Amino acid sequence: MPLMIAALTTTLALSGAAPGFEAAPVPQVRQEAAPDWTHYVPVGASFVVPGTGQVLQGDLLKGLSHLGFAAVCLGLTQLGSGSSDQALRVAGGVGLVGIGLWSPWDAFTKAAGSRPEDAR
């Protein structure tokens, strides 16, 4: 019997029906949307192979042009390494560094422009 009275008192106290008891205010919880990292997968892909980020974003022609330019620069670097012409080697190396930085940057600017919060 004392256990039933204690349970009834607790129930009344929690429901706010008992005199002298007030219900605690409900804390307000704000949930922010988690960032959508899938927009930035093409950026990482372009760091590995130039042009793959553009292909993943649906721009096939631009992706193939980035990949083709990287292949030409790699060929120039190899040609310059095999011969005594260091200008080819330097030109190919500079081109590889350039496309290696430009391709991820291009994928990043497209990904940053396609975020929903930018559409507001």
PDB file of N, CA and C in Angstrom:
ATOM      1  N   MET A   1       0.812  -1.187   0.000  1.00  0.00           N
ATOM      2  CA  MET A   1       0.000   0.000   0.000  1.00  0.00           C
ATOM      3  C   MET A   1       0.866   1.266   0.000  1.00  0.00           C
ATOM      4  N   PRO A   2       1.914   1.346   0.834  1.00  0.00           N
ATOM      5  CA  PRO A   2       2.737   2.556   0.782  1.00  0.00           C
ATOM      6  C   PRO A   2       3.391   2.740  -0.587  1.00  0.00           C
ATOM      7  N   LEU A   3       3.670   1.633  -1.265  1.00  0.00           N
ATOM      8  CA  LEU A   3       4.275   1.734  -2.580  1.00  0.00           C
ATOM      9  C   LEU A   3       3.290   2.314  -3.585  1.00  0.00           C
ATOM     10  N   MET A   4       2.005   1.963  -3.456  1.00  0.00           N
ATOM     11  CA  MET A   4       0.985   2.502  -4.348  1.00  0.00           C
ATOM     12  C   MET A   4       0.781   3.995  -4.107  1.00  0.00           C
ATOM     13  N   ILE A   5       0.832   4.419  -2.847  1.00  0.00           N
ATOM     14  CA  ILE A   5       0.676   5.837  -2.531  1.00  0.00           C
ATOM     15  C   ILE A   5       1.866   6.625  -3.085  1.00  0.00           C
ATOM     16  N   ALA A   6       3.050   6.074  -2.971  1.00  0.00           N
ATOM     17  CA  ALA A   6       4.238   6.746  -3.500  1.00  0.00           C
ATOM     18  C   ALA A   6       4.160   6.857  -5.021  1.00  0.00           C
ATOM     19  N   ALA A   7       3.692   5.804  -5.679  1.00  0.00           N
ATOM     20  CA  ALA A   7       3.568   5.839  -7.135  1.00  0.00           C
ATOM     21  C   ALA A   7       2.523   6.852  -7.566  1.00  0.00           C
ATOM     22  N   LEU A   8       1.394   6.921  -6.849  1.00  0.00           N
ATOM     23  CA  LEU A   8       0.342   7.883  -7.160  1.00  0.00           C
ATOM     24  C   LEU A   8       0.828   9.302  -6.942  1.00  0.00           C
ATOM     25  N   THR A   9       1.536   9.543  -5.855  1.00  0.00           N
ATOM     26  CA  THR A   9       2.068  10.872  -5.564  1.00  0.00           C
ATOM     27  C   THR A   9       3.069  11.303  -6.644  1.00  0.00           C
ATOM     28  N   THR A  10       3.904  10.377  -7.063  1.00  0.00           N
ATOM     29  CA  THR A  10       4.887  10.682  -8.100  1.00  0.00           C
ATOM     30  C   THR A  10       4.199  10.978  -9.428  1.00  0.00           C
ATOM     31  N   THR A  11       3.176  10.205  -9.748  1.00  0.00           N
ATOM     32  CA  THR A  11       2.443  10.429 -10.991  1.00  0.00           C
ATOM     33  C   THR A  11       1.758  11.779 -10.979  1.00  0.00           C
ATOM     34  N   LEU A  12       1.121  12.120  -9.851  1.00  0.00           N
ATOM     35  CA  LEU A  12       0.454  13.421  -9.743  1.00  0.00           C
ATOM     36  C   LEU A  12       1.472  14.561  -9.798  1.00  0.00           C
ATOM     37  N   ALA A  13       2.618  14.355  -9.193  1.00  0.00           N
ATOM     38  CA  ALA A  13       3.641  15.397  -9.202  1.00  0.00           C
ATOM     39  C   ALA A  13       4.174  15.623 -10.615  1.00  0.00           C
ATOM     40  N   LEU A  14       4.353  14.534 -11.337  1.00  0.00           N
ATOM     41  CA  LEU A  14       4.878  14.671 -12.695  1.00  0.00           C
ATOM     42  C   LEU A  14       3.852  15.251 -13.644  1.00  0.00           C
ATOM     43  N   SER A  15       2.583  14.995 -13.408  1.00  0.00           N
ATOM     44  CA  SER A  15       1.550  15.515 -14.296  1.00  0.00           C
ATOM     45  C   SER A  15       1.191  16.947 -13.964  1.00  0.00           C
ATOM     46  N   GLY A  16       1.599  17.447 -12.826  1.00  0.00           N
ATOM     47  CA  GLY A  16       1.311  18.820 -12.448  1.00  0.00           C
ATOM     48  C   GLY A  16      -0.039  18.981 -11.772  1.00  0.00           C
ATOM     49  N   ALA A  17      -0.735  17.876 -11.477  1.00  0.00           N
ATOM     50  CA  ALA A  17      -2.062  17.957 -10.882  1.00  0.00           C
ATOM     51  C   ALA A  17      -2.007  18.120  -9.367  1.00  0.00           C
ATOM     52  N   ALA A  18      -0.884  17.758  -8.783  1.00  0.00           N
ATOM     53  CA  ALA A  18      -0.783  17.864  -7.325  1.00  0.00           C
ATOM     54  C   ALA A  18      -0.429  19.303  -6.945  1.00  0.00           C
ATOM     55  N   PRO A  19      -1.026  19.814  -5.858  1.00  0.00           N
ATOM     56  CA  PRO A  19      -0.714  21.173  -5.444  1.00  0.00           C
ATOM     57  C   PRO A  19       0.726  21.270  -4.931  1.00  0.00           C
ATOM     58  N   GLY A  20       1.366  22.389  -5.228  1.00  0.00           N
ATOM     59  CA  GLY A  20       2.719  22.621  -4.743  1.00  0.00           C
ATOM     60  C   GLY A  20       3.798  22.082  -5.668  1.00  0.00           C
ATOM     61  N   PHE A  21       3.402  21.399  -6.715  1.00  0.00           N
ATOM     62  CA  PHE A  21       4.374  20.871  -7.671  1.00  0.00           C
ATOM     63  C   PHE A  21       4.175  21.574  -9.009  1.00  0.00           C
ATOM     64  N   GLU A  22       5.268  21.972  -9.626  1.00  0.00           N
ATOM     65  CA  GLU A  22       5.192  22.572 -10.956  1.00  0.00           C
ATOM     66  C   GLU A  22       6.029  21.721 -11.912  1.00  0.00           C
ATOM     67  N   ALA A  23       5.530  21.634 -13.102  1.00  0.00           N
ATOM     68  CA  ALA A  23       6.275  20.879 -14.106  1.00  0.00           C
ATOM     69  C   ALA A  23       7.493  21.684 -14.540  1.00  0.00           C
ATOM     70  N   ALA A  24       8.583  21.010 -14.742  1.00  0.00           N
ATOM     71  CA  ALA A  24       9.802  21.676 -15.194  1.00  0.00           C
ATOM     72  C   ALA A  24       9.632  22.109 -16.644  1.00  0.00           C
ATOM     73  N   PRO A  25      10.219  23.228 -17.004  1.00  0.00           N
ATOM     74  CA  PRO A  25      10.090  23.665 -18.407  1.00  0.00           C
ATOM     75  C   PRO A  25      10.843  22.702 -19.334  1.00  0.00           C
ATOM     76  N   VAL A  26      10.278  22.532 -20.485  1.00  0.00           N
ATOM     77  CA  VAL A  26      10.878  21.638 -21.466  1.00  0.00           C
ATOM     78  C   VAL A  26      12.004  22.388 -22.174  1.00  0.00           C
ATOM     79  N   PRO A  27      13.207  21.843 -22.181  1.00  0.00           N
ATOM     80  CA  PRO A  27      14.294  22.550 -22.851  1.00  0.00           C
ATOM     81  C   PRO A  27      14.091  22.565 -24.363  1.00  0.00           C
ATOM     82  N   GLN A  28      14.417  23.683 -24.964  1.00  0.00           N
ATOM     83  CA  GLN A  28      14.312  23.818 -26.409  1.00  0.00           C
ATOM     84  C   GLN A  28      15.608  23.329 -27.041  1.00  0.00           C
ATOM     85  N   VAL A  29      15.493  22.392 -27.944  1.00  0.00           N
ATOM     86  CA  VAL A  29      16.656  21.817 -28.603  1.00  0.00           C
ATOM     87  C   VAL A  29      16.644  22.262 -30.061  1.00  0.00           C
ATOM     88  N   ARG A  30      17.734  22.892 -30.477  1.00  0.00           N
ATOM     89  CA  ARG A  30      17.865  23.309 -31.873  1.00  0.00           C
ATOM     90  C   ARG A  30      18.800  22.355 -32.584  1.00  0.00           C
ATOM     91  N   GLN A  31      18.335  21.821 -33.651  1.00  0.00           N
ATOM     92  CA  GLN A  31      19.178  20.927 -34.434  1.00  0.00           C
ATOM     93  C   GLN A  31      19.529  21.613 -35.741  1.00  0.00           C
ATOM     94  N   GLU A  32      20.824  21.694 -36.010  1.00  0.00           N
ATOM     95  CA  GLU A  32      21.270  22.270 -37.261  1.00  0.00           C
ATOM     96  C   GLU A  32      21.521  21.140 -38.250  1.00  0.00           C
ATOM     97  N   ALA A  33      21.292  21.445 -39.482  1.00  0.00           N
ATOM     98  CA  ALA A  33      21.500  20.437 -40.509  1.00  0.00           C
ATOM     99  C   ALA A  33      22.988  20.125 -40.634  1.00  0.00           C
ATOM    100  N   ALA A  34      23.290  18.859 -40.752  1.00  0.00           N
ATOM    101  CA  ALA A  34      24.685  18.444 -40.926  1.00  0.00           C
ATOM    102  C   ALA A  34      25.139  18.833 -42.333  1.00  0.00           C
ATOM    103  N   PRO A  35      26.395  19.198 -42.478  1.00  0.00           N
ATOM    104  CA  PRO A  35      26.862  19.567 -43.816  1.00  0.00           C
ATOM    105  C   PRO A  35      26.831  18.365 -44.758  1.00  0.00           C
ATOM    106  N   ASP A  36      26.498  18.641 -45.985  1.00  0.00           N
ATOM    107  CA  ASP A  36      26.433  17.581 -46.987  1.00  0.00           C
ATOM    108  C   ASP A  36      27.794  17.468 -47.659  1.00  0.00           C
ATOM    109  N   TRP A  37      28.589  16.506 -47.193  1.00  0.00           N
ATOM    110  CA  TRP A  37      29.953  16.355 -47.687  1.00  0.00           C
ATOM    111  C   TRP A  37      29.992  15.694 -49.048  1.00  0.00           C
ATOM    112  N   THR A  38      28.874  15.183 -49.536  1.00  0.00           N
ATOM    113  CA  THR A  38      28.887  14.524 -50.840  1.00  0.00           C
ATOM    114  C   THR A  38      29.148  15.513 -51.966  1.00  0.00           C
ATOM    115  N   HIS A  39      28.903  16.803 -51.708  1.00  0.00           N
ATOM    116  CA  HIS A  39      29.214  17.809 -52.719  1.00  0.00           C
ATOM    117  C   HIS A  39      30.719  17.921 -52.928  1.00  0.00           C
ATOM    118  N   TYR A  40      31.501  17.539 -51.929  1.00  0.00           N
ATOM    119  CA  TYR A  40      32.941  17.733 -51.997  1.00  0.00           C
ATOM    120  C   TYR A  40      33.710  16.467 -52.366  1.00  0.00           C
ATOM    121  N   VAL A  41      33.029  15.384 -52.648  1.00  0.00           N
ATOM    122  CA  VAL A  41      33.694  14.169 -53.125  1.00  0.00           C
ATOM    123  C   VAL A  41      34.380  14.423 -54.470  1.00  0.00           C
ATOM    124  N   PRO A  42      33.755  15.156 -55.407  1.00  0.00           N
ATOM    125  CA  PRO A  42      34.451  15.439 -56.664  1.00  0.00           C
ATOM    126  C   PRO A  42      35.742  16.238 -56.484  1.00  0.00           C
ATOM    127  N   VAL A  43      35.825  17.053 -55.452  1.00  0.00           N
ATOM    128  CA  VAL A  43      37.044  17.817 -55.198  1.00  0.00           C
ATOM    129  C   VAL A  43      38.189  16.854 -54.870  1.00  0.00           C
ATOM    130  N   GLY A  44      37.929  15.911 -54.001  1.00  0.00           N
ATOM    131  CA  GLY A  44      38.951  14.923 -53.662  1.00  0.00           C
ATOM    132  C   GLY A  44      39.317  14.051 -54.849  1.00  0.00           C
ATOM    133  N   ALA A  45      38.331  13.722 -55.659  1.00  0.00           N
ATOM    134  CA  ALA A  45      38.606  12.911 -56.845  1.00  0.00           C
ATOM    135  C   ALA A  45      39.478  13.661 -57.832  1.00  0.00           C
ATOM    136  N   SER A  46      39.276  14.969 -57.953  1.00  0.00           N
ATOM    137  CA  SER A  46      40.096  15.769 -58.862  1.00  0.00           C
ATOM    138  C   SER A  46      41.517  15.926 -58.355  1.00  0.00           C
ATOM    139  N   PHE A  47      41.723  15.824 -57.043  1.00  0.00           N
ATOM    140  CA  PHE A  47      43.088  15.845 -56.527  1.00  0.00           C
ATOM    141  C   PHE A  47      43.843  14.589 -56.949  1.00  0.00           C
ATOM    142  N   VAL A  48      43.143  13.476 -57.021  1.00  0.00           N
ATOM    143  CA  VAL A  48      43.786  12.210 -57.374  1.00  0.00           C
ATOM    144  C   VAL A  48      44.016  12.131 -58.884  1.00  0.00           C
ATOM    145  N   VAL A  49      42.962  12.332 -59.665  1.00  0.00           N
ATOM    146  CA  VAL A  49      43.055  12.303 -61.130  1.00  0.00           C
ATOM    147  C   VAL A  49      42.349  13.549 -61.656  1.00  0.00           C
ATOM    148  N   PRO A  50      43.078  14.475 -62.245  1.00  0.00           N
ATOM    149  CA  PRO A  50      42.440  15.692 -62.754  1.00  0.00           C
ATOM    150  C   PRO A  50      41.331  15.366 -63.754  1.00  0.00           C
ATOM    151  N   GLY A  51      40.194  15.997 -63.572  1.00  0.00           N
ATOM    152  CA  GLY A  51      39.060  15.816 -64.467  1.00  0.00           C
ATOM    153  C   GLY A  51      37.986  14.889 -63.933  1.00  0.00           C
ATOM    154  N   THR A  52      38.316  14.024 -62.991  1.00  0.00           N
ATOM    155  CA  THR A  52      37.297  13.093 -62.496  1.00  0.00           C
ATOM    156  C   THR A  52      36.219  13.814 -61.698  1.00  0.00           C
ATOM    157  N   GLY A  53      36.582  14.882 -61.019  1.00  0.00           N
ATOM    158  CA  GLY A  53      35.583  15.653 -60.276  1.00  0.00           C
ATOM    159  C   GLY A  53      34.565  16.287 -61.196  1.00  0.00           C
ATOM    160  N   GLN A  54      35.024  16.794 -62.329  1.00  0.00           N
ATOM    161  CA  GLN A  54      34.108  17.398 -63.289  1.00  0.00           C
ATOM    162  C   GLN A  54      33.190  16.348 -63.898  1.00  0.00           C
ATOM    163  N   VAL A  55      33.734  15.160 -64.148  1.00  0.00           N
ATOM    164  CA  VAL A  55      32.900  14.074 -64.681  1.00  0.00           C
ATOM    165  C   VAL A  55      31.852  13.663 -63.649  1.00  0.00           C
ATOM    166  N   LEU A  56      32.247  13.589 -62.375  1.00  0.00           N
ATOM    167  CA  LEU A  56      31.290  13.232 -61.324  1.00  0.00           C
ATOM    168  C   LEU A  56      30.207  14.286 -61.158  1.00  0.00           C
ATOM    169  N   GLN A  57      30.525  15.524 -61.471  1.00  0.00           N
ATOM    170  CA  GLN A  57      29.533  16.598 -61.377  1.00  0.00           C
ATOM    171  C   GLN A  57      28.680  16.712 -62.629  1.00  0.00           C
ATOM    172  N   GLY A  58      28.952  15.870 -63.608  1.00  0.00           N
ATOM    173  CA  GLY A  58      28.113  15.840 -64.803  1.00  0.00           C
ATOM    174  C   GLY A  58      28.657  16.633 -65.975  1.00  0.00           C
ATOM    175  N   ASP A  59      29.829  17.215 -65.867  1.00  0.00           N
ATOM    176  CA  ASP A  59      30.421  17.992 -66.954  1.00  0.00           C
ATOM    177  C   ASP A  59      31.487  17.141 -67.644  1.00  0.00           C
ATOM    178  N   LEU A  60      31.044  16.267 -68.549  1.00  0.00           N
ATOM    179  CA  LEU A  60      31.921  15.287 -69.175  1.00  0.00           C
ATOM    180  C   LEU A  60      32.977  15.939 -70.054  1.00  0.00           C
ATOM    181  N   LEU A  61      32.592  16.931 -70.833  1.00  0.00           N
ATOM    182  CA  LEU A  61      33.536  17.559 -71.753  1.00  0.00           C
ATOM    183  C   LEU A  61      34.660  18.268 -71.007  1.00  0.00           C
ATOM    184  N   LYS A  62      34.317  18.989 -69.955  1.00  0.00           N
ATOM    185  CA  LYS A  62      35.347  19.669 -69.166  1.00  0.00           C
ATOM    186  C   LYS A  62      36.249  18.662 -68.461  1.00  0.00           C
ATOM    187  N   GLY A  63      35.675  17.594 -67.943  1.00  0.00           N
ATOM    188  CA  GLY A  63      36.465  16.572 -67.278  1.00  0.00           C
ATOM    189  C   GLY A  63      37.450  15.896 -68.224  1.00  0.00           C
ATOM    190  N   LEU A  64      36.977  15.588 -69.426  1.00  0.00           N
ATOM    191  CA  LEU A  64      37.869  14.969 -70.402  1.00  0.00           C
ATOM    192  C   LEU A  64      38.958  15.932 -70.859  1.00  0.00           C
ATOM    193  N   SER A  65      38.638  17.217 -70.941  1.00  0.00           N
ATOM    194  CA  SER A  65      39.667  18.185 -71.333  1.00  0.00           C
ATOM    195  C   SER A  65      40.726  18.326 -70.235  1.00  0.00           C
ATOM    196  N   HIS A  66      40.322  18.314 -68.978  1.00  0.00           N
ATOM    197  CA  HIS A  66      41.299  18.364 -67.878  1.00  0.00           C
ATOM    198  C   HIS A  66      42.179  17.114 -67.888  1.00  0.00           C
ATOM    199  N   LEU A  67      41.554  15.963 -68.088  1.00  0.00           N
ATOM    200  CA  LEU A  67      42.304  14.713 -68.136  1.00  0.00           C
ATOM    201  C   LEU A  67      43.243  14.677 -69.335  1.00  0.00           C
ATOM    202  N   GLY A  68      42.775  15.161 -70.489  1.00  0.00           N
ATOM    203  CA  GLY A  68      43.614  15.192 -71.681  1.00  0.00           C
ATOM    204  C   GLY A  68      44.797  16.129 -71.518  1.00  0.00           C
ATOM    205  N   PHE A  69      44.560  17.292 -70.909  1.00  0.00           N
ATOM    206  CA  PHE A  69      45.657  18.236 -70.684  1.00  0.00           C
ATOM    207  C   PHE A  69      46.687  17.634 -69.732  1.00  0.00           C
ATOM    208  N   ALA A  70      46.216  16.940 -68.705  1.00  0.00           N
ATOM    209  CA  ALA A  70      47.139  16.279 -67.769  1.00  0.00           C
ATOM    210  C   ALA A  70      47.939  15.197 -68.481  1.00  0.00           C
ATOM    211  N   ALA A  71      47.309  14.464 -69.393  1.00  0.00           N
ATOM    212  CA  ALA A  71      48.013  13.419 -70.129  1.00  0.00           C
ATOM    213  C   ALA A  71      49.067  14.021 -71.061  1.00  0.00           C
ATOM    214  N   VAL A  72      48.749  15.132 -71.718  1.00  0.00           N
ATOM    215  CA  VAL A  72      49.716  15.797 -72.591  1.00  0.00           C
ATOM    216  C   VAL A  72      50.900  16.307 -71.776  1.00  0.00           C
ATOM    217  N   CYS A  73      50.617  16.912 -70.628  1.00  0.00           N
ATOM    218  CA  CYS A  73      51.702  17.415 -69.768  1.00  0.00           C
ATOM    219  C   CYS A  73      52.575  16.277 -69.247  1.00  0.00           C
ATOM    220  N   LEU A  74      51.965  15.171 -68.922  1.00  0.00           N
ATOM    221  CA  LEU A  74      52.743  14.014 -68.475  1.00  0.00           C
ATOM    222  C   LEU A  74      53.614  13.480 -69.611  1.00  0.00           C
ATOM    223  N   GLY A  75      53.062  13.466 -70.813  1.00  0.00           N
ATOM    224  CA  GLY A  75      53.841  13.038 -71.972  1.00  0.00           C
ATOM    225  C   GLY A  75      55.014  13.967 -72.243  1.00  0.00           C
ATOM    226  N   LEU A  76      54.791  15.291 -72.115  1.00  0.00           N
ATOM    227  CA  LEU A  76      55.884  16.249 -72.292  1.00  0.00           C
ATOM    228  C   LEU A  76      56.971  16.039 -71.252  1.00  0.00           C
ATOM    229  N   THR A  77      56.562  15.776 -70.025  1.00  0.00           N
ATOM    230  CA  THR A  77      57.537  15.535 -68.961  1.00  0.00           C
ATOM    231  C   THR A  77      58.359  14.284 -69.257  1.00  0.00           C
ATOM    232  N   GLN A  78      57.717  13.252 -69.721  1.00  0.00           N
ATOM    233  CA  GLN A  78      58.430  12.016 -70.049  1.00  0.00           C
ATOM    234  C   GLN A  78      59.347  12.198 -71.254  1.00  0.00           C
ATOM    235  N   LEU A  79      58.863  12.947 -72.250  1.00  0.00           N
ATOM    236  CA  LEU A  79      59.683  13.216 -73.420  1.00  0.00           C
ATOM    237  C   LEU A  79      60.912  14.030 -73.051  1.00  0.00           C
ATOM    238  N   GLY A  80      60.720  15.009 -72.178  1.00  0.00           N
ATOM    239  CA  GLY A  80      61.838  15.838 -71.739  1.00  0.00           C
ATOM    240  C   GLY A  80      62.810  15.075 -70.869  1.00  0.00           C
ATOM    241  N   SER A  81      62.341  14.120 -70.135  1.00  0.00           N
ATOM    242  CA  SER A  81      63.241  13.316 -69.291  1.00  0.00           C
ATOM    243  C   SER A  81      64.090  12.368 -70.124  1.00  0.00           C
ATOM    244  N   GLY A  82      63.527  11.873 -71.221  1.00  0.00           N
ATOM    245  CA  GLY A  82      64.248  10.927 -72.061  1.00  0.00           C
ATOM    246  C   GLY A  82      65.251  11.577 -72.983  1.00  0.00           C
ATOM    247  N   SER A  83      65.060  12.857 -73.276  1.00  0.00           N
ATOM    248  CA  SER A  83      65.976  13.548 -74.177  1.00  0.00           C
ATOM    249  C   SER A  83      66.771  14.601 -73.405  1.00  0.00           C
ATOM    250  N   SER A  84      67.579  15.344 -74.147  1.00  0.00           N
ATOM    251  CA  SER A  84      68.378  16.386 -73.487  1.00  0.00           C
ATOM    252  C   SER A  84      67.641  17.720 -73.432  1.00  0.00           C
ATOM    253  N   ASP A  85      66.391  17.752 -73.899  1.00  0.00           N
ATOM    254  CA  ASP A  85      65.627  18.999 -73.918  1.00  0.00           C
ATOM    255  C   ASP A  85      64.921  19.197 -72.568  1.00  0.00           C
ATOM    256  N   GLN A  86      65.508  20.010 -71.720  1.00  0.00           N
ATOM    257  CA  GLN A  86      64.942  20.250 -70.393  1.00  0.00           C
ATOM    258  C   GLN A  86      63.726  21.168 -70.435  1.00  0.00           C
ATOM    259  N   ALA A  87      63.566  21.931 -71.520  1.00  0.00           N
ATOM    260  CA  ALA A  87      62.416  22.839 -71.632  1.00  0.00           C
ATOM    261  C   ALA A  87      61.113  22.047 -71.676  1.00  0.00           C
ATOM    262  N   LEU A  88      61.126  20.907 -72.375  1.00  0.00           N
ATOM    263  CA  LEU A  88      59.921  20.063 -72.409  1.00  0.00           C
ATOM    264  C   LEU A  88      59.591  19.528 -71.027  1.00  0.00           C
ATOM    265  N   ARG A  89      60.616  19.126 -70.334  1.00  0.00           N
ATOM    266  CA  ARG A  89      60.420  18.580 -68.982  1.00  0.00           C
ATOM    267  C   ARG A  89      59.847  19.635 -68.047  1.00  0.00           C
ATOM    268  N   VAL A  90      60.378  20.852 -68.099  1.00  0.00           N
ATOM    269  CA  VAL A  90      59.894  21.934 -67.241  1.00  0.00           C
ATOM    270  C   VAL A  90      58.470  22.324 -67.628  1.00  0.00           C
ATOM    271  N   ALA A  91      58.216  22.443 -68.940  1.00  0.00           N
ATOM    272  CA  ALA A  91      56.876  22.817 -69.398  1.00  0.00           C
ATOM    273  C   ALA A  91      55.851  21.770 -68.973  1.00  0.00           C
ATOM    274  N   GLY A  92      56.207  20.509 -69.113  1.00  0.00           N
ATOM    275  CA  GLY A  92      55.287  19.451 -68.700  1.00  0.00           C
ATOM    276  C   GLY A  92      55.053  19.449 -67.205  1.00  0.00           C
ATOM    277  N   GLY A  93      56.113  19.665 -66.429  1.00  0.00           N
ATOM    278  CA  GLY A  93      55.969  19.705 -64.968  1.00  0.00           C
ATOM    279  C   GLY A  93      55.121  20.868 -64.496  1.00  0.00           C
ATOM    280  N   VAL A  94      55.352  22.047 -65.100  1.00  0.00           N
ATOM    281  CA  VAL A  94      54.549  23.220 -64.737  1.00  0.00           C
ATOM    282  C   VAL A  94      53.085  22.995 -65.116  1.00  0.00           C
ATOM    283  N   GLY A  95      52.868  22.393 -66.281  1.00  0.00           N
ATOM    284  CA  GLY A  95      51.496  22.095 -66.696  1.00  0.00           C
ATOM    285  C   GLY A  95      50.812  21.101 -65.776  1.00  0.00           C
ATOM    286  N   LEU A  96      51.543  20.084 -65.333  1.00  0.00           N
ATOM    287  CA  LEU A  96      50.969  19.099 -64.406  1.00  0.00           C
ATOM    288  C   LEU A  96      50.598  19.730 -63.073  1.00  0.00           C
ATOM    289  N   VAL A  97      51.485  20.593 -62.564  1.00  0.00           N
ATOM    290  CA  VAL A  97      51.171  21.270 -61.303  1.00  0.00           C
ATOM    291  C   VAL A  97      49.963  22.176 -61.493  1.00  0.00           C
ATOM    292  N   GLY A  98      49.940  22.885 -62.622  1.00  0.00           N
ATOM    293  CA  GLY A  98      48.819  23.795 -62.886  1.00  0.00           C
ATOM    294  C   GLY A  98      47.486  23.081 -62.970  1.00  0.00           C
ATOM    295  N   ILE A  99      47.425  22.018 -63.751  1.00  0.00           N
ATOM    296  CA  ILE A  99      46.149  21.300 -63.887  1.00  0.00           C
ATOM    297  C   ILE A  99      45.826  20.536 -62.612  1.00  0.00           C
ATOM    298  N   GLY A 100      46.872  20.129 -61.892  1.00  0.00           N
ATOM    299  CA  GLY A 100      46.643  19.437 -60.616  1.00  0.00           C
ATOM    300  C   GLY A 100      46.031  20.337 -59.564  1.00  0.00           C
ATOM    301  N   LEU A 101      46.256  21.634 -59.665  1.00  0.00           N
ATOM    302  CA  LEU A 101      45.635  22.592 -58.745  1.00  0.00           C
ATOM    303  C   LEU A 101      44.339  23.169 -59.301  1.00  0.00           C
ATOM    304  N   TRP A 102      44.290  23.371 -60.614  1.00  0.00           N
ATOM    305  CA  TRP A 102      43.109  23.993 -61.218  1.00  0.00           C
ATOM    306  C   TRP A 102      41.895  23.053 -61.194  1.00  0.00           C
ATOM    307  N   SER A 103      42.102  21.787 -61.483  1.00  0.00           N
ATOM    308  CA  SER A 103      40.980  20.854 -61.564  1.00  0.00           C
ATOM    309  C   SER A 103      40.215  20.729 -60.237  1.00  0.00           C
ATOM    310  N   PRO A 104      40.891  20.543 -59.086  1.00  0.00           N
ATOM    311  CA  PRO A 104      40.136  20.511 -57.828  1.00  0.00           C
ATOM    312  C   PRO A 104      39.490  21.854 -57.495  1.00  0.00           C
ATOM    313  N   TRP A 105      40.170  22.947 -57.837  1.00  0.00           N
ATOM    314  CA  TRP A 105      39.591  24.266 -57.563  1.00  0.00           C
ATOM    315  C   TRP A 105      38.324  24.465 -58.378  1.00  0.00           C
ATOM    316  N   ASP A 106      38.326  24.046 -59.617  1.00  0.00           N
ATOM    317  CA  ASP A 106      37.142  24.156 -60.459  1.00  0.00           C
ATOM    318  C   ASP A 106      36.004  23.303 -59.905  1.00  0.00           C
ATOM    319  N   ALA A 107      36.330  22.091 -59.461  1.00  0.00           N
ATOM    320  CA  ALA A 107      35.300  21.224 -58.861  1.00  0.00           C
ATOM    321  C   ALA A 107      34.770  21.832 -57.572  1.00  0.00           C
ATOM    322  N   PHE A 108      35.653  22.472 -56.788  1.00  0.00           N
ATOM    323  CA  PHE A 108      35.227  23.094 -55.534  1.00  0.00           C
ATOM    324  C   PHE A 108      34.290  24.269 -55.783  1.00  0.00           C
ATOM    325  N   THR A 109      34.609  25.125 -56.746  1.00  0.00           N
ATOM    326  CA  THR A 109      33.743  26.280 -57.011  1.00  0.00           C
ATOM    327  C   THR A 109      32.378  25.847 -57.517  1.00  0.00           C
ATOM    328  N   LYS A 110      32.333  24.778 -58.290  1.00  0.00           N
ATOM    329  CA  LYS A 110      31.031  24.276 -58.735  1.00  0.00           C
ATOM    330  C   LYS A 110      30.263  23.654 -57.576  1.00  0.00           C
ATOM    331  N   ALA A 111      30.969  22.925 -56.686  1.00  0.00           N
ATOM    332  CA  ALA A 111      30.310  22.313 -55.528  1.00  0.00           C
ATOM    333  C   ALA A 111      29.816  23.379 -54.562  1.00  0.00           C
ATOM    334  N   ALA A 112      30.598  24.427 -54.348  1.00  0.00           N
ATOM    335  CA  ALA A 112      30.191  25.491 -53.430  1.00  0.00           C
ATOM    336  C   ALA A 112      29.008  26.267 -53.993  1.00  0.00           C
ATOM    337  N   GLY A 113      28.926  26.379 -55.309  1.00  0.00           N
ATOM    338  CA  GLY A 113      27.806  27.088 -55.932  1.00  0.00           C
ATOM    339  C   GLY A 113      26.538  26.274 -55.971  1.00  0.00           C
ATOM    340  N   SER A 114      26.618  24.970 -55.797  1.00  0.00           N
ATOM    341  CA  SER A 114      25.432  24.121 -55.883  1.00  0.00           C
ATOM    342  C   SER A 114      24.836  23.774 -54.532  1.00  0.00           C
ATOM    343  N   ARG A 115      25.370  24.394 -53.451  1.00  0.00           N
ATOM    344  CA  ARG A 115      24.826  24.106 -52.117  1.00  0.00           C
ATOM    345  C   ARG A 115      23.442  24.754 -51.977  1.00  0.00           C
ATOM    346  N   PRO A 116      22.520  24.100 -51.276  1.00  0.00           N
ATOM    347  CA  PRO A 116      21.171  24.642 -51.132  1.00  0.00           C
ATOM    348  C   PRO A 116      21.128  25.973 -50.387  1.00  0.00           C
ATOM    349  N   GLU A 117      22.039  26.195 -49.409  1.00  0.00           N
ATOM    350  CA  GLU A 117      21.979  27.440 -48.650  1.00  0.00           C
ATOM    351  C   GLU A 117      22.419  28.638 -49.493  1.00  0.00           C
ATOM    352  N   ASP A 118      23.097  28.396 -50.628  1.00  0.00           N
ATOM    353  CA  ASP A 118      23.464  29.491 -51.509  1.00  0.00           C
ATOM    354  C   ASP A 118      22.302  29.902 -52.407  1.00  0.00           C
ATOM    355  N   ALA A 119      21.296  29.065 -52.514  1.00  0.00           N
ATOM    356  CA  ALA A 119      20.163  29.341 -53.391  1.00  0.00           C
ATOM    357  C   ALA A 119      19.177  30.327 -52.776  1.00  0.00           C
ATOM    358  N   ARG A 120      19.344  30.648 -51.516  1.00  0.00           N
ATOM    359  CA  ARG A 120      18.395  31.546 -50.854  1.00  0.00           C
ATOM    360  C   ARG A 120      18.523  32.954 -51.322  1.00  0.00           C
TER     361      ARG A 120
END
